[in-house]
Protein backbone atom coordinates (compact mmCIF):
# COMPACT_ATOMS: atom_id res chain seq x y z
CA UNK A 1 -13.05 -27.04 14.13
CA UNK A 2 -9.69 -28.77 14.16
CA UNK A 3 -8.02 -29.53 17.60
CA UNK A 4 -4.21 -29.74 17.49
CA UNK A 5 -1.96 -30.84 20.59
CA UNK A 6 0.98 -28.49 21.49
CA UNK A 7 4.14 -31.12 21.54
CA UNK A 8 7.21 -31.15 23.78
CA UNK A 9 9.16 -28.49 21.95
CA UNK A 10 5.93 -26.32 21.60
CA UNK A 11 5.45 -27.70 18.03
CA UNK A 12 1.87 -27.90 16.47
CA UNK A 13 0.74 -29.67 13.31
CA UNK A 14 -1.58 -27.68 11.14
CA UNK A 15 -4.30 -30.07 9.94
CA UNK A 16 -4.12 -31.04 6.22
CA UNK A 17 -7.52 -29.60 5.52
CA UNK A 18 -6.43 -26.17 6.76
CA UNK A 19 -3.00 -26.19 5.15
CA UNK A 20 -4.56 -26.91 1.76
CA UNK A 21 -7.09 -24.06 2.21
CA UNK A 22 -4.50 -21.73 3.12
CA UNK A 23 -1.90 -22.86 0.75
CA UNK A 24 0.86 -23.54 3.01
CA UNK A 25 3.65 -25.71 2.03
CA UNK A 26 6.67 -27.18 3.59
CA UNK A 27 9.44 -24.51 4.01
CA UNK A 28 6.82 -21.63 3.89
CA UNK A 29 7.34 -18.52 6.36
CA UNK A 30 4.57 -17.89 8.66
CA UNK A 31 4.13 -14.75 10.84
CA UNK A 32 2.84 -15.51 14.41
CA UNK A 33 0.75 -12.72 15.95
CA UNK A 34 -0.80 -12.69 19.48
CA UNK A 35 -4.21 -11.20 19.53
CA UNK A 36 -5.51 -11.27 23.05
CA UNK A 37 -5.09 -14.81 24.12
CA UNK A 38 -5.16 -16.08 20.47
CA UNK A 39 -2.30 -17.05 18.43
CA UNK A 40 -2.67 -16.28 14.76
CA UNK A 41 -0.41 -17.74 12.00
CA UNK A 42 -0.28 -15.72 8.67
CA UNK A 43 1.47 -17.27 5.55
CA UNK A 44 4.19 -14.61 4.39
CA UNK A 45 6.29 -14.45 1.39
CA UNK A 46 9.83 -13.31 1.88
CA UNK A 47 11.10 -11.18 -0.90
CA UNK A 48 15.01 -10.49 -1.28
CA UNK A 49 15.59 -6.83 -0.47
CA UNK A 50 17.26 -6.15 -4.21
CA UNK A 51 13.99 -7.47 -5.65
CA UNK A 52 11.83 -5.48 -3.32
CA UNK A 53 13.60 -2.35 -4.37
CA UNK A 54 13.30 -3.26 -7.97
CA UNK A 55 9.54 -3.76 -7.51
CA UNK A 56 9.25 -0.31 -5.89
CA UNK A 57 11.04 1.28 -8.61
CA UNK A 58 8.78 -0.29 -11.28
CA UNK A 59 5.72 0.99 -9.44
CA UNK A 60 7.21 4.53 -9.46
CA UNK A 61 7.97 4.16 -13.24
CA UNK A 62 11.66 4.25 -12.69
CA UNK A 63 12.40 1.61 -15.40
CA UNK A 64 14.29 1.74 -18.56
CA UNK A 65 13.12 0.52 -21.86
CA UNK A 66 14.28 -2.85 -23.42
CA UNK A 67 17.30 -2.61 -25.32
CA UNK A 68 18.10 -4.42 -28.81
CA UNK A 69 21.65 -4.80 -28.01
CA UNK A 70 24.48 -4.30 -25.57
CA UNK A 71 25.65 -1.29 -27.55
CA UNK A 72 22.27 0.45 -27.29
CA UNK A 73 22.38 -0.25 -23.54
CA UNK A 74 25.87 1.16 -23.20
CA UNK A 75 24.81 4.25 -25.29
CA UNK A 76 22.01 4.95 -23.07
CA UNK A 77 24.11 4.52 -19.87
CA UNK A 78 26.55 7.27 -21.42
CA UNK A 79 23.56 9.48 -22.03
CA UNK A 80 22.43 9.08 -18.39
CA UNK A 81 26.16 9.88 -17.13
CA UNK A 82 26.24 13.00 -19.26
CA UNK A 83 22.74 14.22 -17.65
CA UNK A 84 24.22 13.39 -14.16
CA UNK A 85 27.29 15.38 -14.76
CA UNK A 86 25.29 18.39 -15.91
CA UNK A 87 23.13 18.51 -12.73
CA UNK A 88 24.56 20.98 -10.02
CA UNK A 89 25.64 19.16 -6.89
């Protein structure tokens, strides 16, 4: 068990052995949770909202195929626009 001291500005240093095991590095974001009288720090990864939306769309299968050229991509976009115009509002 590692003991740490609460400093003047309520800062604590996580012992190196624990940081290494948890994979915590300088600049990482941690979630602090209060569980009874215990404070738990949980390493978190922050994902840009646009990336998060893209990952959700990929998981739902809402992705397009790879294109061989910009011309193929534009042709596909035009087809999608035609489909959207045909749908009733």
